[in-house]
C-alpha atoms as a PDB file:
ATOM      1  CA  MET A   1    -110.756 -33.823  46.348  1.00  0.00           C
ATOM      2  CA  ASN A   2    -108.263 -30.961  46.347  1.00  0.00           C
ATOM      3  CA  PHE A   3    -108.617 -27.962  48.650  1.00  0.00           C
ATOM      4  CA  LYS A   4    -109.797 -25.514  45.987  1.00  0.00           C
ATOM      5  CA  VAL A   5    -112.669 -27.775  44.943  1.00  0.00           C
ATOM      6  CA  ALA A   6    -113.619 -28.450  48.570  1.00  0.00           C
ATOM      7  CA  PHE A   7    -113.554 -24.740  49.345  1.00  0.00           C
ATOM      8  CA  MET A   8    -115.781 -23.838  46.371  1.00  0.00           C
ATOM      9  CA  LEU A   9    -118.277 -26.557  47.325  1.00  0.00           C
ATOM     10  CA  LEU A  10    -118.402 -25.148  50.825  1.00  0.00           C
ATOM     11  CA  LEU A  11    -119.079 -21.669  49.465  1.00  0.00           C
ATOM     12  CA  SER A  12    -121.871 -22.911  47.235  1.00  0.00           C
ATOM     13  CA  ALA A  13    -123.428 -24.777  50.167  1.00  0.00           C
ATOM     14  CA  VAL A  14    -123.527 -21.919  52.644  1.00  0.00           C
ATOM     15  CA  GLY A  15    -123.727 -18.907  50.322  1.00  0.00           C
ATOM     16  CA  PRO A  16    -121.240 -16.410  48.926  1.00  0.00           C
ATOM     17  CA  VAL A  17    -120.073 -14.831  52.182  1.00  0.00           C
ATOM     18  CA  LEU A  18    -119.249 -17.363  54.887  1.00  0.00           C
ATOM     19  CA  ALA A  19    -117.954 -20.920  55.039  1.00  0.00           C
ATOM     20  CA  GLU A  20    -116.570 -23.135  57.760  1.00  0.00           C
ATOM     21  CA  VAL A  21    -112.870 -23.933  57.810  1.00  0.00           C
ATOM     22  CA  ALA A  22    -112.479 -27.125  55.809  1.00  0.00           C
ATOM     23  CA  THR A  23    -110.705 -30.067  57.452  1.00  0.00           C
ATOM     24  CA  THR A  24    -107.876 -30.216  54.929  1.00  0.00           C
ATOM     25  CA  ASP A  25    -104.324 -31.502  55.268  1.00  0.00           C
ATOM     26  CA  SER A  26    -103.253 -27.889  55.744  1.00  0.00           C
ATOM     27  CA  PHE A  27    -105.716 -27.400  58.589  1.00  0.00           C
ATOM     28  CA  ASN A  28    -104.811 -30.671  60.279  1.00  0.00           C
ATOM     29  CA  GLY A  29    -101.126 -29.863  59.972  1.00  0.00           C
ATOM     30  CA  PHE A  30    -101.703 -26.478  61.562  1.00  0.00           C
ATOM     31  CA  ILE A  31    -103.550 -28.038  64.495  1.00  0.00           C
ATOM     32  CA  THR A  32    -100.774 -30.598  64.973  1.00  0.00           C
ATOM     33  CA  GLN A  33     -98.140 -27.863  64.958  1.00  0.00           C
ATOM     34  CA  MET A  34    -100.012 -25.790  67.569  1.00  0.00           C
ATOM     35  CA  VAL A  35    -100.333 -28.819  69.825  1.00  0.00           C
ATOM     36  CA  LYS A  36     -96.712 -29.918  69.509  1.00  0.00           C
ATOM     37  CA  GLN A  37     -94.977 -26.549  69.407  1.00  0.00           C
ATOM     38  CA  HIS A  38     -97.175 -24.492  71.720  1.00  0.00           C
ATOM     39  CA  ARG A  39     -98.925 -27.184  73.787  1.00  0.00           C
ATOM     40  CA  PHE A  40    -102.470 -26.244  72.833  1.00  0.00           C
ATOM     41  CA  ASN A  41    -105.225 -28.744  73.599  1.00  0.00           C
ATOM     42  CA  GLU A  42    -106.235 -30.365  70.305  1.00  0.00           C
ATOM     43  CA  THR A  43    -109.883 -30.899  71.223  1.00  0.00           C
ATOM     44  CA  GLU A  44    -110.291 -27.311  72.399  1.00  0.00           C
ATOM     45  CA  LEU A  45    -108.537 -25.953  69.315  1.00  0.00           C
ATOM     46  CA  ARG A  46    -110.690 -27.933  66.895  1.00  0.00           C
ATOM     47  CA  SER A  47    -113.768 -26.787  68.793  1.00  0.00           C
ATOM     48  CA  LEU A  48    -112.594 -23.169  68.525  1.00  0.00           C
ATOM     49  CA  PHE A  49    -112.235 -23.403  64.745  1.00  0.00           C
ATOM     50  CA  LYS A  50    -115.829 -24.625  64.381  1.00  0.00           C
ATOM     51  CA  ALA A  51    -116.760 -21.026  65.270  1.00  0.00           C
ATOM     52  CA  VAL A  52    -114.344 -19.542  62.692  1.00  0.00           C
ATOM     53  CA  ASN A  53    -115.557 -18.430  59.272  1.00  0.00           C
ATOM     54  CA  ILE A  54    -113.860 -18.325  55.887  1.00  0.00           C
ATOM     55  CA  GLN A  55    -115.054 -14.979  54.468  1.00  0.00           C
ATOM     56  CA  GLN A  56    -115.248 -14.252  50.746  1.00  0.00           C
ATOM     57  CA  PRO A  57    -115.213 -10.435  51.241  1.00  0.00           C
ATOM     58  CA  ILE A  58    -111.761 -10.796  52.798  1.00  0.00           C
ATOM     59  CA  LEU A  59    -110.495 -12.642  49.724  1.00  0.00           C
ATOM     60  CA  ASP A  60    -112.046  -9.967  47.513  1.00  0.00           C
ATOM     61  CA  ALA A  61    -110.362  -7.165  49.480  1.00  0.00           C
ATOM     62  CA  MET A  62    -106.936  -8.758  49.062  1.00  0.00           C
ATOM     63  CA  SER A  63    -107.178  -8.225  45.304  1.00  0.00           C
ATOM     64  CA  LYS A  64    -107.633  -4.434  45.586  1.00  0.00           C
ATOM     65  CA  PRO A  65    -104.786  -2.953  47.660  1.00  0.00           C
ATOM     66  CA  ALA A  66    -104.535   0.856  47.748  1.00  0.00           C
ATOM     67  CA  GLU A  67    -100.808   0.563  47.023  1.00  0.00           C
ATOM     68  CA  GLY A  68    -101.731  -0.384  43.463  1.00  0.00           C
ATOM     69  CA  LYS A  69    -102.764   3.226  42.766  1.00  0.00           C
ATOM     70  CA  PRO A  70    -100.407   5.839  41.251  1.00  0.00           C
ATOM     71  CA  TRP A  71     -98.977   8.333  43.754  1.00  0.00           C
ATOM     72  CA  PHE A  72    -101.226  11.270  42.850  1.00  0.00           C
ATOM     73  CA  GLN A  73    -104.309   9.132  43.617  1.00  0.00           C
ATOM     74  CA  TYR A  74    -102.831   7.379  46.640  1.00  0.00           C
ATOM     75  CA  ARG A  75    -101.807  10.700  48.194  1.00  0.00           C
ATOM     76  CA  GLU A  76    -105.368  12.001  47.992  1.00  0.00           C
ATOM     77  CA  ILE A  77    -106.528   9.255  50.356  1.00  0.00           C
ATOM     78  CA  PHE A  78    -104.386  10.518  53.227  1.00  0.00           C
ATOM     79  CA  MET A  79    -103.543  14.180  52.634  1.00  0.00           C
ATOM     80  CA  THR A  80    -107.003  15.474  53.473  1.00  0.00           C
ATOM     81  CA  GLU A  81    -108.162  18.298  55.699  1.00  0.00           C
ATOM     82  CA  ALA A  82    -109.978  15.821  57.942  1.00  0.00           C
ATOM     83  CA  ARG A  83    -106.876  13.678  58.467  1.00  0.00           C
ATOM     84  CA  ILE A  84    -104.614  16.670  59.104  1.00  0.00           C
ATOM     85  CA  ALA A  85    -107.044  18.282  61.539  1.00  0.00           C
ATOM     86  CA  GLY A  86    -107.691  14.910  63.154  1.00  0.00           C
ATOM     87  CA  GLY A  87    -103.957  14.464  63.673  1.00  0.00           C
ATOM     88  CA  VAL A  88    -103.647  17.817  65.399  1.00  0.00           C
ATOM     89  CA  GLN A  89    -106.536  16.920  67.711  1.00  0.00           C
ATOM     90  CA  PHE A  90    -105.144  13.437  68.445  1.00  0.00           C
ATOM     91  CA  TRP A  91    -101.809  15.045  69.316  1.00  0.00           C
ATOM     92  CA  LYS A  92    -103.479  17.518  71.675  1.00  0.00           C
ATOM     93  CA  ASP A  93    -105.580  14.787  73.298  1.00  0.00           C
ATOM     94  CA  ASN A  94    -102.545  12.553  73.868  1.00  0.00           C
ATOM     95  CA  GLU A  95     -99.785  15.108  74.408  1.00  0.00           C
ATOM     96  CA  ALA A  96     -98.408  13.543  77.590  1.00  0.00           C
ATOM     97  CA  ALA A  97     -98.203  10.030  76.119  1.00  0.00           C
ATOM     98  CA  LEU A  98     -96.580  11.313  72.937  1.00  0.00           C
ATOM     99  CA  ARG A  99     -94.044  13.329  74.912  1.00  0.00           C
ATOM    100  CA  GLN A 100     -93.200  10.305  77.051  1.00  0.00           C
ATOM    101  CA  ALA A 101     -92.862   7.995  74.044  1.00  0.00           C
ATOM    102  CA  GLU A 102     -90.723  10.508  72.145  1.00  0.00           C
ATOM    103  CA  HIS A 103     -88.417  10.864  75.146  1.00  0.00           C
ATOM    104  CA  GLN A 104     -88.210   7.120  75.778  1.00  0.00           C
ATOM    105  CA  TYR A 105     -87.839   5.887  72.198  1.00  0.00           C
ATOM    106  CA  GLY A 106     -86.490   8.868  70.261  1.00  0.00           C
ATOM    107  CA  VAL A 107     -89.254   8.790  67.664  1.00  0.00           C
ATOM    108  CA  PRO A 108     -90.908  12.154  66.835  1.00  0.00           C
ATOM    109  CA  ALA A 109     -94.493  12.651  67.924  1.00  0.00           C
ATOM    110  CA  ASP A 110     -95.553  13.757  64.443  1.00  0.00           C
ATOM    111  CA  ILE A 111     -94.370  10.467  62.913  1.00  0.00           C
ATOM    112  CA  ILE A 112     -96.220   8.428  65.549  1.00  0.00           C
ATOM    113  CA  VAL A 113     -99.391  10.457  64.996  1.00  0.00           C
ATOM    114  CA  ALA A 114     -99.119  10.148  61.212  1.00  0.00           C
ATOM    115  CA  ILE A 115     -98.739   6.367  61.380  1.00  0.00           C
ATOM    116  CA  ILE A 116    -101.938   6.077  63.423  1.00  0.00           C
ATOM    117  CA  GLY A 117    -103.595   8.580  61.096  1.00  0.00           C
ATOM    118  CA  VAL A 118    -102.723   6.657  57.952  1.00  0.00           C
ATOM    119  CA  GLU A 119    -103.522   3.282  59.487  1.00  0.00           C
ATOM    120  CA  THR A 120    -106.876   3.936  61.156  1.00  0.00           C
ATOM    121  CA  LYS A 121    -107.669   7.664  60.996  1.00  0.00           C
ATOM    122  CA  TYR A 122    -106.801   7.907  64.713  1.00  0.00           C
ATOM    123  CA  GLY A 123    -108.835   4.874  65.689  1.00  0.00           C
ATOM    124  CA  ALA A 124    -111.948   5.630  63.635  1.00  0.00           C
ATOM    125  CA  HIS A 125    -111.438   2.650  61.311  1.00  0.00           C
ATOM    126  CA  THR A 126    -109.724  -0.234  63.089  1.00  0.00           C
ATOM    127  CA  GLY A 127    -111.406  -2.995  61.095  1.00  0.00           C
ATOM    128  CA  LYS A 128    -114.713  -4.826  60.914  1.00  0.00           C
ATOM    129  CA  TYR A 129    -113.544  -8.442  60.789  1.00  0.00           C
ATOM    130  CA  ARG A 130    -112.720 -10.831  63.592  1.00  0.00           C
ATOM    131  CA  VAL A 131    -108.966 -11.230  63.508  1.00  0.00           C
ATOM    132  CA  ILE A 132    -109.214 -15.003  63.669  1.00  0.00           C
ATOM    133  CA  ASP A 133    -111.579 -15.056  60.656  1.00  0.00           C
ATOM    134  CA  ALA A 134    -109.257 -12.841  58.620  1.00  0.00           C
ATOM    135  CA  LEU A 135    -106.154 -14.876  59.381  1.00  0.00           C
ATOM    136  CA  ALA A 136    -107.878 -18.228  58.890  1.00  0.00           C
ATOM    137  CA  THR A 137    -109.406 -17.083  55.584  1.00  0.00           C
ATOM    138  CA  LEU A 138    -106.070 -15.934  54.220  1.00  0.00           C
ATOM    139  CA  GLY A 139    -104.133 -18.795  55.757  1.00  0.00           C
ATOM    140  CA  PHE A 140    -106.364 -21.610  54.532  1.00  0.00           C
ATOM    141  CA  ALA A 141    -108.061 -20.104  51.455  1.00  0.00           C
ATOM    142  CA  TYR A 142    -105.555 -17.698  49.891  1.00  0.00           C
ATOM    143  CA  PRO A 143    -102.697 -19.838  48.516  1.00  0.00           C
ATOM    144  CA  PRO A 144    -100.477 -16.956  47.302  1.00  0.00           C
ATOM    145  CA  ARG A 145     -99.753 -15.884  50.892  1.00  0.00           C
ATOM    146  CA  SER A 146    -100.983 -18.778  52.982  1.00  0.00           C
ATOM    147  CA  GLU A 147     -97.583 -19.389  54.586  1.00  0.00           C
ATOM    148  CA  PHE A 148     -97.376 -15.825  55.911  1.00  0.00           C
ATOM    149  CA  PHE A 149    -100.933 -15.749  57.238  1.00  0.00           C
ATOM    150  CA  LEU A 150    -100.721 -19.174  58.867  1.00  0.00           C
ATOM    151  CA  LYS A 151     -97.675 -17.923  60.779  1.00  0.00           C
ATOM    152  CA  GLU A 152     -99.686 -14.880  61.844  1.00  0.00           C
ATOM    153  CA  LEU A 153    -102.591 -17.110  62.865  1.00  0.00           C
ATOM    154  CA  GLU A 154    -100.160 -19.098  64.997  1.00  0.00           C
ATOM    155  CA  GLN A 155     -98.873 -15.882  66.581  1.00  0.00           C
ATOM    156  CA  PHE A 156    -102.423 -14.645  67.181  1.00  0.00           C
ATOM    157  CA  LEU A 157    -103.482 -17.761  69.071  1.00  0.00           C
ATOM    158  CA  VAL A 158    -100.368 -17.565  71.210  1.00  0.00           C
ATOM    159  CA  LEU A 159    -100.839 -13.867  71.994  1.00  0.00           C
ATOM    160  CA  ALA A 160    -104.517 -14.402  72.836  1.00  0.00           C
ATOM    161  CA  ARG A 161    -103.437 -16.992  75.381  1.00  0.00           C
ATOM    162  CA  GLU A 162    -100.642 -14.756  76.701  1.00  0.00           C
ATOM    163  CA  GLU A 163    -102.925 -11.730  77.041  1.00  0.00           C
ATOM    164  CA  GLY A 164    -105.893 -13.631  78.429  1.00  0.00           C
ATOM    165  CA  MET A 165    -108.117 -12.775  75.433  1.00  0.00           C
ATOM    166  CA  ASP A 166    -110.967 -14.746  73.940  1.00  0.00           C
ATOM    167  CA  PRO A 167    -109.546 -15.366  70.433  1.00  0.00           C
ATOM    168  CA  LEU A 168    -113.016 -14.933  68.920  1.00  0.00           C
ATOM    169  CA  GLN A 169    -113.331 -11.355  70.195  1.00  0.00           C
ATOM    170  CA  PRO A 170    -110.514  -9.127  68.812  1.00  0.00           C
ATOM    171  CA  MET A 171    -111.456  -7.223  65.675  1.00  0.00           C
ATOM    172  CA  GLY A 172    -109.173  -6.014  62.910  1.00  0.00           C
ATOM    173  CA  SER A 173    -108.689  -5.405  59.213  1.00  0.00           C
ATOM    174  CA  TYR A 174    -109.331  -7.840  56.366  1.00  0.00           C
ATOM    175  CA  ALA A 175    -105.633  -8.780  56.659  1.00  0.00           C
ATOM    176  CA  GLY A 176    -105.786  -9.396  60.407  1.00  0.00           C
ATOM    177  CA  ALA A 177    -104.095  -6.136  61.454  1.00  0.00           C
ATOM    178  CA  MET A 178    -105.181  -4.943  64.881  1.00  0.00           C
ATOM    179  CA  GLY A 179    -105.948  -1.804  66.840  1.00  0.00           C
ATOM    180  CA  LEU A 180    -105.089   1.862  66.357  1.00  0.00           C
ATOM    181  CA  PRO A 181    -101.642   1.076  64.865  1.00  0.00           C
ATOM    182  CA  GLN A 182    -102.805  -2.000  62.899  1.00  0.00           C
ATOM    183  CA  PHE A 183    -100.212  -4.407  64.251  1.00  0.00           C
ATOM    184  CA  MET A 184    -100.084  -7.905  62.879  1.00  0.00           C
ATOM    185  CA  PRO A 185     -99.995 -10.532  65.655  1.00  0.00           C
ATOM    186  CA  SER A 186     -96.250 -11.105  65.313  1.00  0.00           C
ATOM    187  CA  SER A 187     -95.646  -7.367  65.626  1.00  0.00           C
ATOM    188  CA  PHE A 188     -97.904  -7.224  68.672  1.00  0.00           C
ATOM    189  CA  ARG A 189     -95.912  -9.936  70.425  1.00  0.00           C
ATOM    190  CA  SER A 190     -92.600  -8.273  69.529  1.00  0.00           C
ATOM    191  CA  TYR A 191     -93.329  -4.577  69.930  1.00  0.00           C
ATOM    192  CA  ALA A 192     -96.590  -3.811  71.758  1.00  0.00           C
ATOM    193  CA  LYS A 193     -96.076  -1.849  74.985  1.00  0.00           C
ATOM    194  CA  ASP A 194     -98.055  -1.037  78.116  1.00  0.00           C
ATOM    195  CA  LEU A 195     -97.311   2.671  78.537  1.00  0.00           C
ATOM    196  CA  ASP A 196     -99.760   3.452  81.324  1.00  0.00           C
ATOM    197  CA  GLY A 197     -98.754   0.512  83.513  1.00  0.00           C
ATOM    198  CA  ASP A 198    -102.170  -1.123  83.832  1.00  0.00           C
ATOM    199  CA  GLY A 199    -100.742  -4.549  83.021  1.00  0.00           C
ATOM    200  CA  LYS A 200    -102.334  -4.788  79.556  1.00  0.00           C
ATOM    201  CA  ARG A 201    -100.983  -4.009  76.104  1.00  0.00           C
ATOM    202  CA  ASN A 202    -104.230  -2.573  74.787  1.00  0.00           C
ATOM    203  CA  ILE A 203    -103.708  -1.208  71.284  1.00  0.00           C
ATOM    204  CA  TRP A 204    -107.435  -1.313  70.495  1.00  0.00           C
ATOM    205  CA  THR A 205    -108.843   1.325  72.858  1.00  0.00           C
ATOM    206  CA  ASN A 206    -105.861   2.741  74.768  1.00  0.00           C
ATOM    207  CA  PRO A 207    -104.095   5.465  72.734  1.00  0.00           C
ATOM    208  CA  ALA A 208    -101.167   5.595  75.184  1.00  0.00           C
ATOM    209  CA  ASP A 209    -100.344   1.931  74.602  1.00  0.00           C
ATOM    210  CA  ALA A 210    -100.783   2.333  70.838  1.00  0.00           C
ATOM    211  CA  ILE A 211     -98.464   5.355  70.817  1.00  0.00           C
ATOM    212  CA  ALA A 212     -95.732   3.566  72.775  1.00  0.00           C
ATOM    213  CA  SER A 213     -96.109   0.473  70.618  1.00  0.00           C
ATOM    214  CA  VAL A 214     -95.557   2.436  67.399  1.00  0.00           C
ATOM    215  CA  ALA A 215     -92.573   4.231  68.921  1.00  0.00           C
ATOM    216  CA  ASN A 216     -91.051   0.942  70.090  1.00  0.00           C
ATOM    217  CA  TYR A 217     -91.587  -0.563  66.637  1.00  0.00           C
ATOM    218  CA  PHE A 218     -89.581   2.234  65.016  1.00  0.00           C
ATOM    219  CA  ALA A 219     -86.888   2.276  67.686  1.00  0.00           C
ATOM    220  CA  SER A 220     -86.474  -1.492  67.368  1.00  0.00           C
ATOM    221  CA  ASN A 221     -86.004  -1.041  63.624  1.00  0.00           C
ATOM    222  CA  GLN A 222     -83.080   1.384  64.220  1.00  0.00           C
ATOM    223  CA  TRP A 223     -84.782   4.751  63.910  1.00  0.00           C
ATOM    224  CA  LYS A 224     -82.087   7.449  64.216  1.00  0.00           C
ATOM    225  CA  PRO A 225     -83.320  10.149  66.638  1.00  0.00           C
ATOM    226  CA  GLY A 226     -83.074  13.575  65.054  1.00  0.00           C
ATOM    227  CA  GLY A 227     -82.064  12.157  61.692  1.00  0.00           C
ATOM    228  CA  PRO A 228     -83.495  13.452  58.404  1.00  0.00           C
ATOM    229  CA  ILE A 229     -86.178  11.461  56.620  1.00  0.00           C
ATOM    230  CA  ALA A 230     -86.595  12.641  53.022  1.00  0.00           C
ATOM    231  CA  TYR A 231     -86.017  15.608  50.745  1.00  0.00           C
ATOM    232  CA  PRO A 232     -87.668  16.684  47.481  1.00  0.00           C
ATOM    233  CA  VAL A 233     -85.032  17.084  44.759  1.00  0.00           C
ATOM    234  CA  ASN A 234     -84.664  18.183  41.166  1.00  0.00           C
ATOM    235  CA  ALA A 235     -82.533  16.744  38.404  1.00  0.00           C
ATOM    236  CA  ALA A 236     -81.000  18.116  35.230  1.00  0.00           C
ATOM    237  CA  GLY A 237     -81.111  15.916  32.157  1.00  0.00           C
ATOM    238  CA  GLU A 238     -81.968  12.214  32.090  1.00  0.00           C
ATOM    239  CA  ALA A 239     -78.887  10.670  33.701  1.00  0.00           C
ATOM    240  CA  TYR A 240     -80.615  10.481  37.104  1.00  0.00           C
ATOM    241  CA  LYS A 241     -82.806   7.637  35.796  1.00  0.00           C
ATOM    242  CA  LYS A 242     -79.813   5.328  36.130  1.00  0.00           C
ATOM    243  CA  ALA A 243     -80.217   5.608  39.906  1.00  0.00           C
ATOM    244  CA  LEU A 244     -83.918   4.652  39.916  1.00  0.00           C
ATOM    245  CA  SER A 245     -84.332   1.060  41.014  1.00  0.00           C
ATOM    246  CA  LYS A 246     -86.672  -1.159  42.968  1.00  0.00           C
ATOM    247  CA  GLY A 247     -86.737  -1.198  46.717  1.00  0.00           C
ATOM    248  CA  VAL A 248     -86.468   1.568  49.288  1.00  0.00           C
ATOM    249  CA  LYS A 249     -83.203   0.871  51.102  1.00  0.00           C
ATOM    250  CA  PRO A 250     -80.614   3.627  50.573  1.00  0.00           C
ATOM    251  CA  ASP A 251     -78.270   2.237  47.915  1.00  0.00           C
ATOM    252  CA  THR A 252     -76.538   5.269  46.380  1.00  0.00           C
ATOM    253  CA  SER A 253     -74.222   7.893  47.839  1.00  0.00           C
ATOM    254  CA  ALA A 254     -75.105  11.567  47.693  1.00  0.00           C
ATOM    255  CA  ALA A 255     -71.918  12.116  45.685  1.00  0.00           C
ATOM    256  CA  GLU A 256     -73.008   9.605  43.044  1.00  0.00           C
ATOM    257  CA  LEU A 257     -76.403  11.269  42.666  1.00  0.00           C
ATOM    258  CA  ARG A 258     -74.799  14.683  42.278  1.00  0.00           C
ATOM    259  CA  LYS A 259     -72.693  13.270  39.429  1.00  0.00           C
ATOM    260  CA  LEU A 260     -75.935  12.173  37.764  1.00  0.00           C
ATOM    261  CA  GLY A 261     -77.311  15.701  37.858  1.00  0.00           C
ATOM    262  CA  VAL A 262     -79.481  15.439  40.958  1.00  0.00           C
ATOM    263  CA  GLU A 263     -79.597  18.674  42.956  1.00  0.00           C
ATOM    264  CA  LEU A 264     -79.306  17.676  46.631  1.00  0.00           C
ATOM    265  CA  PRO A 265     -79.418  19.799  49.795  1.00  0.00           C
ATOM    266  CA  ALA A 266     -76.073  21.551  50.210  1.00  0.00           C
ATOM    267  CA  GLY A 267     -75.478  20.185  53.700  1.00  0.00           C
ATOM    268  CA  LEU A 268     -75.912  16.532  52.759  1.00  0.00           C
ATOM    269  CA  PRO A 269     -72.561  14.726  53.199  1.00  0.00           C
ATOM    270  CA  ALA A 270     -71.070  13.228  50.048  1.00  0.00           C
ATOM    271  CA  GLY A 271     -70.925   9.791  51.632  1.00  0.00           C
ATOM    272  CA  GLU A 272     -74.531   9.783  52.895  1.00  0.00           C
ATOM    273  CA  ALA A 273     -76.447   6.743  51.642  1.00  0.00           C
ATOM    274  CA  VAL A 274     -79.701   7.753  49.980  1.00  0.00           C
ATOM    275  CA  LYS A 275     -82.417   6.268  47.790  1.00  0.00           C
ATOM    276  CA  LEU A 276     -83.684   8.143  44.737  1.00  0.00           C
ATOM    277  CA  LEU A 277     -87.457   7.773  44.394  1.00  0.00           C
ATOM    278  CA  ALA A 278     -89.872   8.880  41.669  1.00  0.00           C
ATOM    279  CA  TYR A 279     -93.531   9.578  42.456  1.00  0.00           C
ATOM    280  CA  GLN A 280     -95.993   9.659  39.574  1.00  0.00           C
ATOM    281  CA  GLN A 281     -98.105  12.777  39.195  1.00  0.00           C
ATOM    282  CA  GLN A 282    -100.884  13.362  36.673  1.00  0.00           C
ATOM    283  CA  ILE A 283     -98.237  15.062  34.532  1.00  0.00           C
ATOM    284  CA  GLY A 284     -94.633  14.054  35.082  1.00  0.00           C
ATOM    285  CA  GLU A 285     -93.173  12.905  38.371  1.00  0.00           C
ATOM    286  CA  ASP A 286     -91.794  14.210  41.644  1.00  0.00           C
ATOM    287  CA  LEU A 287     -88.290  13.183  42.652  1.00  0.00           C
ATOM    288  CA  TRP A 288     -87.364  12.585  46.278  1.00  0.00           C
ATOM    289  CA  ILE A 289     -84.477  11.103  48.156  1.00  0.00           C
ATOM    290  CA  GLY A 290     -85.185   8.846  51.089  1.00  0.00           C
ATOM    291  CA  LEU A 291     -82.638   8.482  53.877  1.00  0.00           C
ATOM    292  CA  HIS A 292     -82.227   5.852  56.587  1.00  0.00           C
ATOM    293  CA  ASN A 293     -85.268   6.980  58.594  1.00  0.00           C
ATOM    294  CA  PHE A 294     -87.437   6.876  55.469  1.00  0.00           C
ATOM    295  CA  TYR A 295     -86.357   3.269  55.043  1.00  0.00           C
ATOM    296  CA  VAL A 296     -87.324   2.598  58.676  1.00  0.00           C
ATOM    297  CA  ILE A 297     -90.858   3.831  57.944  1.00  0.00           C
ATOM    298  CA  THR A 298     -91.064   1.171  55.239  1.00  0.00           C
ATOM    299  CA  ARG A 299     -90.408  -1.518  57.839  1.00  0.00           C
ATOM    300  CA  TYR A 300     -94.003  -0.801  58.894  1.00  0.00           C
ATOM    301  CA  ASN A 301     -95.276  -1.129  55.316  1.00  0.00           C
ATOM    302  CA  HIS A 302     -92.822  -1.814  52.507  1.00  0.00           C
ATOM    303  CA  SER A 303     -94.500   0.481  49.992  1.00  0.00           C
ATOM    304  CA  PRO A 304     -92.640   3.725  49.167  1.00  0.00           C
ATOM    305  CA  LEU A 305     -96.091   5.243  48.579  1.00  0.00           C
ATOM    306  CA  TYR A 306     -97.054   4.432  52.150  1.00  0.00           C
ATOM    307  CA  ALA A 307     -93.849   5.841  53.612  1.00  0.00           C
ATOM    308  CA  MET A 308     -94.212   9.092  51.672  1.00  0.00           C
ATOM    309  CA  ALA A 309     -97.843   9.453  52.756  1.00  0.00           C
ATOM    310  CA  VAL A 310     -96.777   9.042  56.391  1.00  0.00           C
ATOM    311  CA  TYR A 311     -93.969  11.567  55.992  1.00  0.00           C
ATOM    312  CA  GLN A 312     -96.027  14.202  54.229  1.00  0.00           C
ATOM    313  CA  LEU A 313     -98.930  13.787  56.654  1.00  0.00           C
ATOM    314  CA  SER A 314     -96.520  14.114  59.598  1.00  0.00           C
ATOM    315  CA  GLN A 315     -95.169  17.349  58.162  1.00  0.00           C
ATOM    316  CA  ALA A 316     -98.644  18.782  57.579  1.00  0.00           C
ATOM    317  CA  ILE A 317     -99.794  17.895  61.102  1.00  0.00           C
ATOM    318  CA  ALA A 318     -96.664  19.333  62.701  1.00  0.00           C
ATOM    319  CA  ALA A 319     -97.005  22.555  60.724  1.00  0.00           C
ATOM    320  CA  ARG A 320    -100.670  22.912  61.664  1.00  0.00           C
ATOM    321  CA  LYS A 321    -100.097  22.222  65.350  1.00  0.00           C
ATOM    322  CA  ILE A 322     -97.558  25.038  65.832  1.00  0.00           C
END
């Protein structure tokens, strides 16, 4: 019996929402890897997974990502009065931590606040699923990305052991992202920080640690302190379309864009690497150029929609806070 058939039989047996993790070759291989590579106890690990659930709502959610929306609809999710005002309040409530993180890592407070605002509305929506359920569901029952999520499940079990957590307790999103900044387990292990010195990297309920963790994430991905992020631009004619391409990494010089009729800020050096981006509106499109720091934002989430939402929210919050 192949895995898909076994999984569907399990669902029909226990109902449409929950199912136990099936003892497949994939599952057994994962257990073997954890024992050999990380020295987990096999009996304890198999016992742990008896309490883990494959959840159909998680699989359903994976088919409806917000990044599938056009820009004018996607923007409306994040550029709201509540999220702007909430960002100003979060900044005021955590001013000292933001100042310390900005000084230590070189990442602006408004960008840190906007990331947390976009991800969880400043901690209001950190996720309703157990992280282990989300990662196991997507690792063992979502073939298109099973390799990625099994690696994250591996990282989660290791971090739970490192941090002294019960792996059945942490909550997160349907994709297994955790805490105020929605770190995946691998990001937690690489970038999470203990800003207040209490010996714990608590990104779930400690805003100071979440703030430092976001700042460290950006600094580790080569954020350039004081560097520009993005500019709205205009273009004459249709030649600019030659510069529109997939991806978000700066791949065109400012001089080349000017030759294609794109009107860039006067002070932008001719040799500056930029990325021309088009954002769909209800009528027409908005043109922007993203610079290196815009690309760094996309290391958090690769969508250019996401990065622009973070940037525009950061600008709105900063303007309101003054």
